[in-house]
C-alpha atoms as a PDB file:
ATOM      1  CA  MET A   1     103.470 103.726 127.865  1.00  0.00           C
ATOM      2  CA  GLY A   2     104.035 103.577 124.143  1.00  0.00           C
ATOM      3  CA  GLN A   3     101.089 102.855 121.934  1.00  0.00           C
ATOM      4  CA  GLN A   4      98.830 101.970 124.849  1.00  0.00           C
ATOM      5  CA  GLY A   5      99.135 105.278 126.736  1.00  0.00           C
ATOM      6  CA  CYS A   6      95.535 106.202 126.090  1.00  0.00           C
ATOM      7  CA  ALA A   7      94.354 102.836 127.472  1.00  0.00           C
ATOM      8  CA  ILE A   8      96.423 103.171 130.645  1.00  0.00           C
ATOM      9  CA  THR A   9      95.396 106.804 131.084  1.00  0.00           C
ATOM     10  CA  SER A  10      91.711 106.039 130.491  1.00  0.00           C
ATOM     11  CA  CYS A  11      91.759 103.189 133.011  1.00  0.00           C
ATOM     12  CA  SER A  12      93.664 105.394 135.455  1.00  0.00           C
ATOM     13  CA  MET A  13      90.837 107.924 135.238  1.00  0.00           C
ATOM     14  CA  ILE A  14      88.287 105.238 136.067  1.00  0.00           C
ATOM     15  CA  PHE A  15      90.430 103.798 138.883  1.00  0.00           C
ATOM     16  CA  ASN A  16      91.209 107.295 140.229  1.00  0.00           C
ATOM     17  CA  VAL A  17      94.976 106.745 140.197  1.00  0.00           C
ATOM     18  CA  GLN A  18      97.795 108.592 138.432  1.00  0.00           C
ATOM     19  CA  PRO A  19      98.730 107.052 135.050  1.00  0.00           C
ATOM     20  CA  ASP A  20     102.383 106.569 136.044  1.00  0.00           C
ATOM     21  CA  VAL A  21     101.300 104.619 139.138  1.00  0.00           C
ATOM     22  CA  HIS A  22      98.981 102.408 137.085  1.00  0.00           C
ATOM     23  CA  LEU A  23     101.713 101.932 134.483  1.00  0.00           C
ATOM     24  CA  SER A  24     104.071 100.685 137.209  1.00  0.00           C
ATOM     25  CA  GLU A  25     101.385  98.330 138.510  1.00  0.00           C
ATOM     26  CA  MET A  26     100.837  96.905 135.039  1.00  0.00           C
ATOM     27  CA  LYS A  27     104.557  96.563 134.259  1.00  0.00           C
ATOM     28  CA  ALA A  28     104.995  94.629 137.507  1.00  0.00           C
ATOM     29  CA  HIS A  29     102.596  92.021 136.091  1.00  0.00           C
ATOM     30  CA  ASP A  30     104.750  90.715 133.235  1.00  0.00           C
ATOM     31  CA  GLY A  31     104.482  93.847 131.117  1.00  0.00           C
ATOM     32  CA  ALA A  32     100.694  93.795 130.970  1.00  0.00           C
ATOM     33  CA  ASP A  33     100.801  97.482 129.994  1.00  0.00           C
ATOM     34  CA  CYS A  34     101.483  97.193 126.253  1.00  0.00           C
ATOM     35  CA  PRO A  35      99.295  95.924 124.857  1.00  0.00           C
ATOM     36  CA  TYR A  36      97.068  96.763 127.785  1.00  0.00           C
ATOM     37  CA  GLN A  37      95.742  93.646 129.513  1.00  0.00           C
ATOM     38  CA  TRP A  38      92.218  94.605 130.559  1.00  0.00           C
ATOM     39  CA  SER A  39      91.636  91.654 132.880  1.00  0.00           C
ATOM     40  CA  THR A  40      94.937  92.309 134.693  1.00  0.00           C
ATOM     41  CA  GLY A  41      94.017  95.969 135.187  1.00  0.00           C
ATOM     42  CA  ALA A  42      90.641  94.921 136.564  1.00  0.00           C
ATOM     43  CA  SER A  43      92.164  92.310 138.863  1.00  0.00           C
ATOM     44  CA  LEU A  44      94.611  94.842 140.313  1.00  0.00           C
ATOM     45  CA  LYS A  45      91.632  96.961 141.366  1.00  0.00           C
ATOM     46  CA  ASN A  46      89.412  94.067 142.511  1.00  0.00           C
ATOM     47  CA  LYS A  47      87.029  94.582 139.618  1.00  0.00           C
ATOM     48  CA  ILE A  48      85.655  92.562 136.741  1.00  0.00           C
ATOM     49  CA  TYR A  49      86.077  93.873 133.206  1.00  0.00           C
ATOM     50  CA  SER A  50      83.490  93.243 130.533  1.00  0.00           C
ATOM     51  CA  ALA A  51      83.448  94.549 126.999  1.00  0.00           C
ATOM     52  CA  THR A  52      80.848  94.712 124.279  1.00  0.00           C
ATOM     53  CA  THR A  53      81.730  95.159 120.628  1.00  0.00           C
ATOM     54  CA  GLY A  54      79.573  97.049 118.158  1.00  0.00           C
ATOM     55  CA  SER A  55      78.746 100.354 116.531  1.00  0.00           C
ATOM     56  CA  PHE A  56      77.534 103.387 118.448  1.00  0.00           C
ATOM     57  CA  ASN A  57      73.959 102.718 117.324  1.00  0.00           C
ATOM     58  CA  SER A  58      74.078  99.154 118.643  1.00  0.00           C
ATOM     59  CA  LEU A  59      75.761 100.208 121.921  1.00  0.00           C
ATOM     60  CA  LYS A  60      74.031 103.478 122.825  1.00  0.00           C
ATOM     61  CA  ALA A  61      71.308 101.889 124.979  1.00  0.00           C
ATOM     62  CA  ALA A  62      73.942  99.958 126.965  1.00  0.00           C
ATOM     63  CA  MET A  63      76.019 103.131 127.287  1.00  0.00           C
ATOM     64  CA  PHE A  64      73.012 105.010 128.645  1.00  0.00           C
ATOM     65  CA  GLU A  65      72.248 102.226 131.144  1.00  0.00           C
ATOM     66  CA  ASN A  66      75.888 102.024 132.281  1.00  0.00           C
ATOM     67  CA  ILE A  67      75.986 105.760 132.968  1.00  0.00           C
ATOM     68  CA  ILE A  68      72.476 106.441 134.273  1.00  0.00           C
ATOM     69  CA  THR A  69      71.345 103.197 135.919  1.00  0.00           C
ATOM     70  CA  ASN A  70      74.631 101.571 136.939  1.00  0.00           C
ATOM     71  CA  GLU A  71      76.677 104.761 137.433  1.00  0.00           C
ATOM     72  CA  LEU A  72      79.628 103.161 135.645  1.00  0.00           C
ATOM     73  CA  PRO A  73      81.971 105.164 133.446  1.00  0.00           C
ATOM     74  CA  MET A  74      83.137 103.339 130.323  1.00  0.00           C
ATOM     75  CA  VAL A  75      86.302 103.001 128.335  1.00  0.00           C
ATOM     76  CA  VAL A  76      85.263 103.473 124.718  1.00  0.00           C
ATOM     77  CA  ALA A  77      87.353 102.332 121.766  1.00  0.00           C
ATOM     78  CA  VAL A  78      87.557 104.243 118.511  1.00  0.00           C
ATOM     79  CA  PRO A  79      90.201 103.556 115.830  1.00  0.00           C
ATOM     80  CA  ASP A  80      93.636 103.410 117.505  1.00  0.00           C
ATOM     81  CA  HIS A  81      92.425 105.263 120.604  1.00  0.00           C
ATOM     82  CA  PHE A  82      90.606 104.914 123.943  1.00  0.00           C
ATOM     83  CA  ILE A  83      88.607 107.516 125.890  1.00  0.00           C
ATOM     84  CA  VAL A  84      86.415 107.597 128.986  1.00  0.00           C
ATOM     85  CA  VAL A  85      82.697 108.310 128.739  1.00  0.00           C
ATOM     86  CA  GLN A  86      81.345 109.246 132.135  1.00  0.00           C
ATOM     87  CA  GLU A  87      78.302 111.447 131.796  1.00  0.00           C
ATOM     88  CA  PHE A  88      75.071 111.658 129.845  1.00  0.00           C
ATOM     89  CA  VAL A  89      73.729 115.126 129.134  1.00  0.00           C
ATOM     90  CA  GLY A  90      70.307 115.541 127.667  1.00  0.00           C
ATOM     91  CA  THR A  91      66.688 114.590 127.940  1.00  0.00           C
ATOM     92  CA  LEU A  92      65.101 111.584 126.304  1.00  0.00           C
ATOM     93  CA  PRO A  93      61.471 111.144 125.371  1.00  0.00           C
ATOM     94  CA  MET A  94      59.730 108.329 127.213  1.00  0.00           C
ATOM     95  CA  ASP A  95      57.699 105.489 125.772  1.00  0.00           C
ATOM     96  CA  PRO A  96      54.141 104.833 127.033  1.00  0.00           C
ATOM     97  CA  GLY A  97      55.507 102.423 129.646  1.00  0.00           C
ATOM     98  CA  GLY A  98      57.808 105.091 131.115  1.00  0.00           C
ATOM     99  CA  GLY A  99      61.071 103.819 129.656  1.00  0.00           C
ATOM    100  CA  PRO A 100      63.500 105.955 127.686  1.00  0.00           C
ATOM    101  CA  ILE A 101      63.342 105.900 123.906  1.00  0.00           C
ATOM    102  CA  TYR A 102      66.918 104.829 123.226  1.00  0.00           C
ATOM    103  CA  SER A 103      66.722 105.614 119.505  1.00  0.00           C
ATOM    104  CA  SER A 104      66.725 109.309 120.461  1.00  0.00           C
ATOM    105  CA  ILE A 105      70.229 109.066 121.951  1.00  0.00           C
ATOM    106  CA  THR A 106      72.952 110.810 119.976  1.00  0.00           C
ATOM    107  CA  SER A 107      76.707 110.674 120.470  1.00  0.00           C
ATOM    108  CA  ASP A 108      76.857 114.333 121.465  1.00  0.00           C
ATOM    109  CA  MET A 109      74.832 113.462 124.586  1.00  0.00           C
ATOM    110  CA  PHE A 110      77.847 111.675 126.125  1.00  0.00           C
ATOM    111  CA  THR A 111      80.657 113.746 127.619  1.00  0.00           C
ATOM    112  CA  VAL A 112      84.194 112.398 127.502  1.00  0.00           C
ATOM    113  CA  ASN A 113      87.610 112.614 129.053  1.00  0.00           C
ATOM    114  CA  ASP A 114      89.996 112.178 126.145  1.00  0.00           C
ATOM    115  CA  PRO A 115      93.627 111.532 127.106  1.00  0.00           C
ATOM    116  CA  GLY A 116      94.654 112.587 123.605  1.00  0.00           C
ATOM    117  CA  SER A 117      92.877 115.931 123.307  1.00  0.00           C
ATOM    118  CA  SER A 118      91.570 118.568 125.677  1.00  0.00           C
ATOM    119  CA  TYR A 119      89.362 119.863 122.861  1.00  0.00           C
ATOM    120  CA  ASN A 120      87.088 116.834 122.658  1.00  0.00           C
ATOM    121  CA  PHE A 121      84.135 117.355 124.970  1.00  0.00           C
ATOM    122  CA  THR A 122      81.592 114.894 123.586  1.00  0.00           C
ATOM    123  CA  LEU A 123      81.723 111.460 122.059  1.00  0.00           C
ATOM    124  CA  GLN A 124      80.731 113.063 118.757  1.00  0.00           C
ATOM    125  CA  ASP A 125      83.881 115.234 118.916  1.00  0.00           C
ATOM    126  CA  VAL A 126      85.981 112.071 119.258  1.00  0.00           C
ATOM    127  CA  ILE A 127      84.116 110.300 116.466  1.00  0.00           C
ATOM    128  CA  ASN A 128      84.657 113.310 114.197  1.00  0.00           C
ATOM    129  CA  GLN A 129      88.387 113.243 114.929  1.00  0.00           C
ATOM    130  CA  LYS A 130      89.170 109.518 115.232  1.00  0.00           C
ATOM    131  CA  GLY A 131      86.340 107.515 113.681  1.00  0.00           C
ATOM    132  CA  PRO A 132      83.506 105.257 114.795  1.00  0.00           C
ATOM    133  CA  VAL A 133      82.987 103.556 118.141  1.00  0.00           C
ATOM    134  CA  SER A 134      83.902  99.869 118.043  1.00  0.00           C
ATOM    135  CA  ARG A 135      83.721  98.717 121.684  1.00  0.00           C
ATOM    136  CA  ILE A 136      82.744  99.751 125.204  1.00  0.00           C
ATOM    137  CA  GLY A 137      84.231  98.360 128.382  1.00  0.00           C
ATOM    138  CA  VAL A 138      83.194  98.635 132.003  1.00  0.00           C
ATOM    139  CA  PHE A 139      84.849  97.723 135.275  1.00  0.00           C
ATOM    140  CA  LYS A 140      82.336  96.323 137.784  1.00  0.00           C
ATOM    141  CA  GLN A 141      82.660  95.404 141.454  1.00  0.00           C
END
């Protein structure tokens, strides 16, 4: 797995497959495991991968919509590491039209599965340890 173990493990969580199985699948496709080839991983699972680059503040509305509206967990990139964000915990105030006020979202409202640490429970924990969010990725049908 090498340097890309957290990417393979994060994608394995989303695909509901053991990391060693996914690693074998990726290696069978011309070593697409390191660096991790996102489109190959998606293709193996009959999905489409899309990624959006930006800071947490610019991505938090999309993260909320992926989790709440689309029910899609995300692979989130922080410096030299990948994690899975799969749940939103909290209550948001609503605007007069009934929509959520996205500016009220904080990084501790997203729970994570971190392949590198069992002590990181929220996205804020990961940010504190690794640094800022730089990209989110989702696998769609």
